[in-house]
């Protein structure tokens, strides 16, 4: 039972079928609750280790984590591509437009 981080790959059981999932969010560090994303795109909320479940939850819980596989770096979707000089130039153009100083 390891504390997982975003980007960790684990084997989780969903409705009796094991499969690899990626940790996309740590929802509660103290209770070791995680949000996982399966390869099919299904998101599993409130997933914890099988050993942390009590007897009643082991029978009724539709998903749980079996084992840790590896860690991958999460992919950054957004990048800061705006340069400060470009931003200042566009702000100045907007100010000129508001004042009515449009040059063609």
C-alpha atoms as a PDB file:
ATOM      1  CA  UNK A   1       0.000   0.000   0.000  1.00  0.00           C
ATOM      2  CA  UNK A   2       1.753   3.005  -1.312  1.00  0.00           C
ATOM      3  CA  UNK A   3       0.738   6.653  -1.330  1.00  0.00           C
ATOM      4  CA  UNK A   4       0.098   7.330  -4.998  1.00  0.00           C
ATOM      5  CA  UNK A   5       0.804  10.499  -6.968  1.00  0.00           C
ATOM      6  CA  UNK A   6      -0.710  11.938 -10.114  1.00  0.00           C
ATOM      7  CA  UNK A   7       0.722  10.033 -13.065  1.00  0.00           C
ATOM      8  CA  UNK A   8       1.104   6.674 -11.297  1.00  0.00           C
ATOM      9  CA  UNK A   9      -0.072   3.585 -13.183  1.00  0.00           C
ATOM     10  CA  UNK A  10      -1.879   0.941 -11.112  1.00  0.00           C
ATOM     11  CA  UNK A  11      -3.851  -2.238 -11.701  1.00  0.00           C
ATOM     12  CA  UNK A  12      -7.417  -1.683 -10.532  1.00  0.00           C
ATOM     13  CA  UNK A  13     -10.443  -3.958 -10.582  1.00  0.00           C
ATOM     14  CA  UNK A  14     -13.601  -2.496 -12.121  1.00  0.00           C
ATOM     15  CA  UNK A  15     -16.706  -4.709 -11.915  1.00  0.00           C
ATOM     16  CA  UNK A  16     -14.551  -7.818 -11.470  1.00  0.00           C
ATOM     17  CA  UNK A  17     -12.209  -7.092 -14.393  1.00  0.00           C
ATOM     18  CA  UNK A  18      -8.628  -5.949 -13.686  1.00  0.00           C
ATOM     19  CA  UNK A  19      -7.074  -3.299 -15.908  1.00  0.00           C
ATOM     20  CA  UNK A  20      -4.366  -0.645 -15.932  1.00  0.00           C
ATOM     21  CA  UNK A  21      -5.439   2.807 -14.785  1.00  0.00           C
ATOM     22  CA  UNK A  22      -3.725   6.160 -14.359  1.00  0.00           C
ATOM     23  CA  UNK A  23      -4.074   8.270 -11.213  1.00  0.00           C
ATOM     24  CA  UNK A  24      -5.479  11.636 -12.347  1.00  0.00           C
ATOM     25  CA  UNK A  25      -6.264  13.128  -8.924  1.00  0.00           C
ATOM     26  CA  UNK A  26      -5.511  12.472  -5.252  1.00  0.00           C
ATOM     27  CA  UNK A  27      -8.845  13.178  -3.538  1.00  0.00           C
ATOM     28  CA  UNK A  28      -7.905  12.308   0.066  1.00  0.00           C
ATOM     29  CA  UNK A  29      -4.335  11.572   1.203  1.00  0.00           C
ATOM     30  CA  UNK A  30      -5.334  10.473   4.706  1.00  0.00           C
ATOM     31  CA  UNK A  31      -7.831   7.821   3.577  1.00  0.00           C
ATOM     32  CA  UNK A  32      -5.837   7.081   0.387  1.00  0.00           C
ATOM     33  CA  UNK A  33      -8.664   7.892  -2.029  1.00  0.00           C
ATOM     34  CA  UNK A  34      -7.850   8.480  -5.674  1.00  0.00           C
ATOM     35  CA  UNK A  35      -9.567   9.279  -8.963  1.00  0.00           C
ATOM     36  CA  UNK A  36      -8.448   6.904 -11.714  1.00  0.00           C
ATOM     37  CA  UNK A  37      -8.791   6.931 -15.493  1.00  0.00           C
ATOM     38  CA  UNK A  38      -8.934   3.620 -17.331  1.00  0.00           C
ATOM     39  CA  UNK A  39      -7.473   3.142 -20.824  1.00  0.00           C
ATOM     40  CA  UNK A  40     -11.031   3.050 -22.184  1.00  0.00           C
ATOM     41  CA  UNK A  41     -11.599   6.567 -20.794  1.00  0.00           C
ATOM     42  CA  UNK A  42     -13.812   5.534 -17.876  1.00  0.00           C
ATOM     43  CA  UNK A  43     -13.148   7.624 -14.760  1.00  0.00           C
ATOM     44  CA  UNK A  44     -13.399   5.846 -11.407  1.00  0.00           C
ATOM     45  CA  UNK A  45     -13.949   8.182  -8.414  1.00  0.00           C
ATOM     46  CA  UNK A  46     -13.191   7.307  -4.784  1.00  0.00           C
ATOM     47  CA  UNK A  47     -10.904   4.339  -5.473  1.00  0.00           C
ATOM     48  CA  UNK A  48      -8.760   2.960  -2.638  1.00  0.00           C
ATOM     49  CA  UNK A  49      -6.509  -0.028  -1.966  1.00  0.00           C
ATOM     50  CA  UNK A  50      -8.215  -3.411  -1.503  1.00  0.00           C
ATOM     51  CA  UNK A  51      -6.488  -3.852   1.863  1.00  0.00           C
ATOM     52  CA  UNK A  52      -8.098  -0.635   3.184  1.00  0.00           C
ATOM     53  CA  UNK A  53     -11.643  -1.912   2.601  1.00  0.00           C
ATOM     54  CA  UNK A  54     -13.575  -3.523   5.453  1.00  0.00           C
ATOM     55  CA  UNK A  55     -15.462  -6.823   4.995  1.00  0.00           C
ATOM     56  CA  UNK A  56     -18.717  -5.162   3.891  1.00  0.00           C
ATOM     57  CA  UNK A  57     -16.984  -2.871   1.390  1.00  0.00           C
ATOM     58  CA  UNK A  58     -14.960  -5.769  -0.071  1.00  0.00           C
ATOM     59  CA  UNK A  59     -18.244  -7.394  -1.128  1.00  0.00           C
ATOM     60  CA  UNK A  60     -20.065  -4.267  -2.338  1.00  0.00           C
ATOM     61  CA  UNK A  61     -17.387  -1.914  -3.732  1.00  0.00           C
ATOM     62  CA  UNK A  62     -17.346  -2.104  -7.574  1.00  0.00           C
ATOM     63  CA  UNK A  63     -13.697  -0.932  -7.860  1.00  0.00           C
ATOM     64  CA  UNK A  64     -10.444  -1.032  -5.918  1.00  0.00           C
ATOM     65  CA  UNK A  65      -6.666  -0.926  -6.500  1.00  0.00           C
ATOM     66  CA  UNK A  66      -4.717  -4.184  -6.583  1.00  0.00           C
ATOM     67  CA  UNK A  67      -1.104  -3.194  -7.249  1.00  0.00           C
ATOM     68  CA  UNK A  68       1.240  -0.392  -8.245  1.00  0.00           C
ATOM     69  CA  UNK A  69       2.868  -0.725 -11.680  1.00  0.00           C
ATOM     70  CA  UNK A  70       4.950   2.379 -12.471  1.00  0.00           C
ATOM     71  CA  UNK A  71       5.045   6.170 -12.590  1.00  0.00           C
ATOM     72  CA  UNK A  72       4.863   8.281 -15.742  1.00  0.00           C
ATOM     73  CA  UNK A  73       5.123  12.034 -15.985  1.00  0.00           C
ATOM     74  CA  UNK A  74       1.682  13.570 -16.555  1.00  0.00           C
ATOM     75  CA  UNK A  75       1.295  15.248 -19.931  1.00  0.00           C
ATOM     76  CA  UNK A  76       0.918  19.021 -19.852  1.00  0.00           C
ATOM     77  CA  UNK A  77      -1.876  20.012 -22.213  1.00  0.00           C
ATOM     78  CA  UNK A  78      -1.596  23.785 -22.016  1.00  0.00           C
ATOM     79  CA  UNK A  79       1.613  25.683 -22.538  1.00  0.00           C
ATOM     80  CA  UNK A  80       2.197  29.377 -22.015  1.00  0.00           C
ATOM     81  CA  UNK A  81       2.846  30.483 -25.583  1.00  0.00           C
ATOM     82  CA  UNK A  82       2.014  34.167 -25.143  1.00  0.00           C
ATOM     83  CA  UNK A  83       5.048  36.426 -25.029  1.00  0.00           C
ATOM     84  CA  UNK A  84       4.898  39.558 -22.874  1.00  0.00           C
ATOM     85  CA  UNK A  85       5.917  41.802 -25.759  1.00  0.00           C
ATOM     86  CA  UNK A  86       3.105  40.441 -27.942  1.00  0.00           C
ATOM     87  CA  UNK A  87       0.631  40.913 -25.108  1.00  0.00           C
ATOM     88  CA  UNK A  88       1.744  44.519 -24.512  1.00  0.00           C
ATOM     89  CA  UNK A  89       1.445  45.265 -28.231  1.00  0.00           C
ATOM     90  CA  UNK A  90      -2.119  43.942 -28.425  1.00  0.00           C
ATOM     91  CA  UNK A  91      -3.141  45.811 -25.282  1.00  0.00           C
ATOM     92  CA  UNK A  92      -1.825  49.031 -26.829  1.00  0.00           C
ATOM     93  CA  UNK A  93      -3.823  48.351 -30.020  1.00  0.00           C
ATOM     94  CA  UNK A  94      -6.989  47.878 -27.935  1.00  0.00           C
ATOM     95  CA  UNK A  95      -6.358  51.155 -26.095  1.00  0.00           C
ATOM     96  CA  UNK A  96      -5.883  52.964 -29.404  1.00  0.00           C
ATOM     97  CA  UNK A  97      -9.113  51.435 -30.740  1.00  0.00           C
ATOM     98  CA  UNK A  98     -11.049  52.588 -27.658  1.00  0.00           C
ATOM     99  CA  UNK A  99      -9.685  56.146 -28.037  1.00  0.00           C
ATOM    100  CA  UNK A 100     -10.608  56.151 -31.724  1.00  0.00           C
ATOM    101  CA  UNK A 101      -7.036  56.334 -32.952  1.00  0.00           C
ATOM    102  CA  UNK A 102      -7.370  53.642 -35.611  1.00  0.00           C
ATOM    103  CA  UNK A 103      -4.749  53.766 -38.366  1.00  0.00           C
ATOM    104  CA  UNK A 104      -5.319  51.946 -41.633  1.00  0.00           C
END
